[in-house]
Amino acid sequence: MKLRLMLWLLGLMLKRALRSKPDFRQALSEVRRLDWGIATEDLSIARHFRMSPEGIQTGAGLPVDLDLELRFDDEASAVRVLRKPTQQAFLDGMMAGKVRLVGDSSDLQKLQNLLKQL
C-alpha cells in the first residue's frame, strides 16, 4: 500500500512541477517526451507516467510502449530505493538484484535529471 501511495503522489508532484517550476518545464522541453513506469516484478503494483511539455499523464499498469521501466524485486526494496532516488541507490539495487532496468540507461539519466528539479 505504501508503494501505491508513493507512486500516486509522485504523479501529483510531477504535474505540480510542470505547472509551477520553470526549471522543470525547461528540462522537460529539452527531453521532449519520456514515457516510463515503475513496477514490482510480479506486476502487482505498477504505474506509468507519460511526460511531455504539453502535460503529464499517469495511470495504473505498464503499457508495452514505454521507453523505460524500473522493476523492483518487491515493494519493500522499491520503497527503500525511491525514498532516496540517487544514482548510487539504483546501482546498489541493480548489483544486489533488487532493481532491474528495462530500456535504455540514457533514459534513466534523463529521468534522474528531471526528478532533481522536483
Protein backbone atom coordinates (compact mmCIF):
# COMPACT_ATOMS: atom_id res chain seq x y z
CA MET A 1 0.00 0.00 0.00
CA LYS A 2 2.88 2.35 0.77
CA LEU A 3 4.34 1.99 -2.73
CA ARG A 4 0.99 2.63 -4.40
CA LEU A 5 0.61 5.85 -2.43
CA MET A 6 4.17 6.93 -3.21
CA LEU A 7 3.65 6.44 -6.94
CA TRP A 8 0.32 8.26 -6.91
CA LEU A 9 1.90 11.18 -5.03
CA LEU A 10 4.79 11.20 -7.49
CA GLY A 11 2.29 11.77 -10.28
CA LEU A 12 0.82 14.73 -8.40
CA MET A 13 4.26 16.17 -7.74
CA LEU A 14 5.22 15.87 -11.42
CA LYS A 15 2.04 17.64 -12.53
CA ARG A 16 2.53 20.40 -9.97
CA ALA A 17 6.16 20.87 -11.02
CA LEU A 18 5.11 21.22 -14.66
CA ARG A 19 2.67 23.98 -13.69
CA SER A 20 4.80 25.90 -11.23
CA LYS A 21 8.52 25.27 -11.78
CA PRO A 22 10.15 26.88 -14.82
CA ASP A 23 13.34 24.80 -14.41
CA PHE A 24 11.33 21.58 -14.59
CA ARG A 25 9.43 22.80 -17.67
CA GLN A 26 12.73 23.74 -19.33
CA ALA A 27 14.30 20.35 -18.56
CA LEU A 28 11.21 18.54 -19.85
CA SER A 29 11.16 20.57 -23.06
CA GLU A 30 14.79 19.54 -23.67
CA VAL A 31 13.86 15.88 -23.22
CA ARG A 32 10.69 16.42 -25.33
CA ARG A 33 8.94 13.22 -24.29
CA LEU A 34 9.59 10.46 -21.79
CA ASP A 35 7.24 7.54 -21.14
CA TRP A 36 8.29 5.46 -18.16
CA GLY A 37 6.94 3.22 -15.45
CA ILE A 38 7.66 1.70 -12.07
CA ALA A 39 6.52 -1.78 -11.03
CA THR A 40 7.26 -4.77 -8.89
CA GLU A 41 8.49 -7.85 -10.76
CA ASP A 42 5.18 -9.66 -10.31
CA LEU A 43 3.33 -6.54 -11.59
CA SER A 44 1.08 -6.50 -8.53
CA ILE A 45 1.92 -2.80 -8.21
CA ALA A 46 2.58 -0.85 -11.40
CA ARG A 47 2.18 2.75 -12.53
CA HIS A 48 3.25 4.55 -15.69
CA PHE A 49 3.95 8.19 -16.46
CA ARG A 50 3.78 9.87 -19.87
CA MET A 51 5.63 13.17 -19.72
CA SER A 52 5.83 15.85 -22.39
CA PRO A 53 5.99 19.66 -22.31
CA GLU A 54 2.24 19.72 -23.07
CA GLY A 55 1.32 17.72 -19.98
CA ILE A 56 1.84 14.71 -17.77
CA GLN A 57 -0.46 11.71 -17.79
CA THR A 58 -0.30 8.93 -15.27
CA GLY A 59 -2.13 5.66 -14.91
CA ALA A 60 -2.10 2.23 -13.38
CA GLY A 61 -0.31 -0.65 -15.10
CA LEU A 62 2.59 -0.84 -17.53
CA PRO A 63 1.79 -0.44 -21.24
CA VAL A 64 4.15 -2.19 -23.64
CA ASP A 65 5.26 1.00 -25.42
CA LEU A 66 7.19 2.61 -22.54
CA ASP A 67 10.71 3.98 -23.05
CA LEU A 68 11.86 2.95 -19.59
CA GLU A 69 10.68 0.59 -16.87
CA LEU A 70 12.04 0.28 -13.37
CA ARG A 71 11.21 -3.15 -11.98
CA PHE A 72 11.74 -3.83 -8.30
CA ASP A 73 12.04 -7.23 -6.68
CA ASP A 74 9.41 -6.41 -4.08
CA GLU A 75 7.54 -3.50 -2.55
CA ALA A 76 10.00 -3.02 0.32
CA SER A 77 13.02 -2.66 -1.96
CA ALA A 78 11.09 -0.22 -4.17
CA VAL A 79 10.20 1.98 -1.22
CA ARG A 80 13.79 1.87 0.04
CA VAL A 81 15.27 2.98 -3.30
CA LEU A 82 12.57 5.51 -4.18
CA ARG A 83 12.85 7.34 -0.86
CA LYS A 84 16.35 8.46 -1.90
CA PRO A 85 16.48 8.03 -5.69
CA THR A 86 20.18 8.68 -6.16
CA GLN A 87 22.26 7.12 -8.88
CA GLN A 88 24.17 5.17 -6.23
CA ALA A 89 20.94 3.74 -4.77
CA PHE A 90 19.90 2.47 -8.22
CA LEU A 91 23.34 0.98 -8.88
CA ASP A 92 23.40 -0.74 -5.49
CA GLY A 93 19.91 -2.12 -6.13
CA MET A 94 20.91 -3.41 -9.56
CA MET A 95 24.04 -5.07 -8.18
CA ALA A 96 22.01 -6.74 -5.43
CA GLY A 97 19.41 -7.93 -7.94
CA LYS A 98 16.63 -5.86 -6.34
CA VAL A 99 16.23 -3.43 -9.27
CA ARG A 100 16.00 -4.23 -12.96
CA LEU A 101 16.11 -1.62 -15.69
CA VAL A 102 14.10 -2.34 -18.83
CA GLY A 103 15.01 0.11 -21.56
CA ASP A 104 17.87 2.45 -22.34
CA SER A 105 20.10 3.62 -19.49
CA SER A 106 20.31 7.08 -21.10
CA ASP A 107 16.57 7.41 -20.44
CA LEU A 108 17.31 6.71 -16.77
CA GLN A 109 19.77 9.62 -16.80
CA LYS A 110 17.12 11.87 -18.34
CA LEU A 111 14.62 10.78 -15.71
CA GLN A 112 17.03 11.40 -12.85
CA ASN A 113 17.77 14.89 -14.19
CA LEU A 114 14.06 15.64 -14.33
CA LEU A 115 13.43 14.31 -10.83
CA LYS A 116 16.18 16.55 -9.46
CA GLN A 117 14.01 19.51 -10.46
CA LEU A 118 11.16 18.40 -8.19
